[in-house]
Amino acid sequence: MRGHSHPQGPSETGSVVLDLGGDTGALIIYTGRDQHGREIEVSRDGEPRTHSAVRERRVRDGIFHSAVYPDLPAGVYTVWWDDRRPAGRVVVTGGVIAEFAWPTSAAPGSG
């Protein structure tokens, strides 16, 4: 978490554009409603972190909360719980949308 949150309005169906293909993939991190506005950071080994805010997503089948990373270079990414602790890792593949479920309890390894 980047130390703060930025609650934003809901995102409607079709409002996020994903740039997929070649060596570029996308990542969706699914969270609970309690994470709304939280900025979740991800990074490939040895590279700077990037972040995205968790937003409410309204789709035909209901409402969910997620952070979307629309154009990531392929590779293995660390999803960061906070500035020091990882929440997990996920593989992003070119042309594919990777998915990660945010842990529902304490950060892995903290308890």
Protein backbone atom coordinates (compact mmCIF):
# COMPACT_ATOMS: atom_id res chain seq x y z
CA MET A 1 0.00 0.00 0.00
CA ARG A 2 1.31 3.41 -0.84
CA GLY A 3 0.27 4.75 2.56
CA HIS A 4 -2.98 6.31 1.45
CA SER A 5 -6.12 5.64 -0.47
CA HIS A 6 -8.05 7.50 -3.10
CA PRO A 7 -11.67 6.39 -3.19
CA GLN A 8 -12.98 6.87 -6.70
CA GLY A 9 -16.35 6.45 -8.27
CA PRO A 10 -17.42 3.14 -9.75
CA SER A 11 -16.12 1.87 -13.05
CA GLU A 12 -18.83 0.79 -15.50
CA THR A 13 -18.68 -2.12 -17.95
CA GLY A 14 -16.37 -1.32 -20.87
CA SER A 15 -14.62 1.62 -19.19
CA VAL A 16 -11.21 -0.08 -18.86
CA VAL A 17 -9.12 -0.67 -21.99
CA LEU A 18 -6.54 -3.47 -21.83
CA ASP A 19 -3.54 -3.38 -24.18
CA LEU A 20 -2.87 -7.10 -24.80
CA GLY A 21 -0.60 -8.77 -27.30
CA GLY A 22 3.00 -9.64 -28.01
CA ASP A 23 4.89 -9.43 -24.73
CA THR A 24 2.22 -7.27 -23.06
CA GLY A 25 -0.37 -8.67 -20.68
CA ALA A 26 -2.70 -7.32 -18.02
CA LEU A 27 -3.36 -8.04 -14.36
CA ILE A 28 -6.53 -7.84 -12.31
CA ILE A 29 -6.26 -8.04 -8.52
CA TYR A 30 -9.60 -8.95 -6.95
CA THR A 31 -10.22 -7.59 -3.46
CA GLY A 32 -13.07 -7.14 -1.06
CA ARG A 33 -15.10 -3.95 -0.69
CA ASP A 34 -12.99 -3.07 2.37
CA GLN A 35 -10.01 -2.34 0.08
CA HIS A 36 -11.88 0.30 -1.98
CA GLY A 37 -9.49 3.18 -2.71
CA ARG A 38 -6.36 1.33 -1.61
CA GLU A 39 -3.41 1.64 -3.97
CA ILE A 40 -1.80 -1.74 -4.52
CA GLU A 41 1.73 -1.88 -5.87
CA VAL A 42 3.21 -4.56 -8.12
CA SER A 43 6.72 -5.00 -9.53
CA ARG A 44 8.90 -7.31 -11.56
CA ASP A 45 12.19 -8.31 -9.92
CA GLY A 46 14.69 -5.45 -10.01
CA GLU A 47 12.23 -2.96 -11.53
CA PRO A 48 10.32 -0.03 -10.04
CA ARG A 49 6.88 -0.61 -8.62
CA THR A 50 3.72 0.52 -10.30
CA HIS A 51 0.38 0.96 -8.59
CA SER A 52 -3.33 1.00 -9.24
CA ALA A 53 -6.26 1.94 -7.02
CA VAL A 54 -8.95 -0.54 -6.06
CA ARG A 55 -12.26 0.56 -7.55
CA GLU A 56 -15.79 -0.66 -7.55
CA ARG A 57 -16.50 -2.37 -10.88
CA ARG A 58 -20.08 -2.61 -12.05
CA VAL A 59 -20.62 -5.35 -14.60
CA ARG A 60 -23.63 -7.13 -16.02
CA ASP A 61 -23.45 -9.87 -13.39
CA GLY A 62 -23.03 -7.60 -10.36
CA ILE A 63 -20.46 -5.53 -8.50
CA PHE A 64 -16.92 -6.43 -7.50
CA HIS A 65 -13.79 -4.57 -6.39
CA SER A 66 -10.44 -4.77 -8.13
CA ALA A 67 -7.25 -3.01 -9.15
CA VAL A 68 -6.47 -3.22 -12.87
CA TYR A 69 -3.02 -3.01 -14.48
CA PRO A 70 -3.82 -2.72 -18.20
CA ASP A 71 -0.44 -3.00 -19.93
CA LEU A 72 2.31 -4.89 -18.13
CA PRO A 73 5.35 -6.44 -19.77
CA ALA A 74 5.33 -10.23 -19.43
CA GLY A 75 7.09 -11.59 -16.35
CA VAL A 76 6.77 -12.66 -12.74
CA TYR A 77 5.36 -9.89 -10.53
CA THR A 78 5.35 -9.41 -6.78
CA VAL A 79 2.09 -8.03 -5.43
CA TRP A 80 2.96 -5.87 -2.42
CA TRP A 81 0.93 -5.99 0.82
CA ASP A 82 2.76 -2.87 2.04
CA ASP A 83 6.15 -1.20 1.53
CA ARG A 84 8.10 -4.26 2.73
CA ARG A 85 5.92 -7.36 2.69
CA PRO A 86 4.68 -9.19 -0.39
CA ALA A 87 1.11 -10.46 -0.61
CA GLY A 88 2.12 -12.96 -3.27
CA ARG A 89 3.43 -13.43 -6.80
CA VAL A 90 1.69 -13.73 -10.14
CA VAL A 91 2.84 -14.53 -13.69
CA VAL A 92 1.82 -12.07 -16.40
CA THR A 93 1.91 -13.54 -19.92
CA GLY A 94 1.75 -11.59 -23.15
CA GLY A 95 -1.75 -11.47 -24.63
CA VAL A 96 -3.38 -12.78 -21.44
CA ILE A 97 -5.18 -11.29 -18.43
CA ALA A 98 -3.61 -12.64 -15.22
CA GLU A 99 -5.72 -12.72 -12.06
CA PHE A 100 -4.74 -12.49 -8.40
CA ALA A 101 -6.99 -12.78 -5.34
CA TRP A 102 -6.02 -10.36 -2.57
CA PRO A 103 -5.51 -12.22 0.75
CA THR A 104 -8.49 -11.84 3.07
CA SER A 105 -6.49 -11.87 6.31
CA ALA A 106 -3.09 -10.58 7.47
CA ALA A 107 -0.13 -10.33 5.15
CA PRO A 108 1.42 -13.71 4.35
CA GLY A 109 4.12 -14.57 6.87
CA SER A 110 2.98 -11.98 9.42
CA GLY A 111 1.15 -14.24 11.77
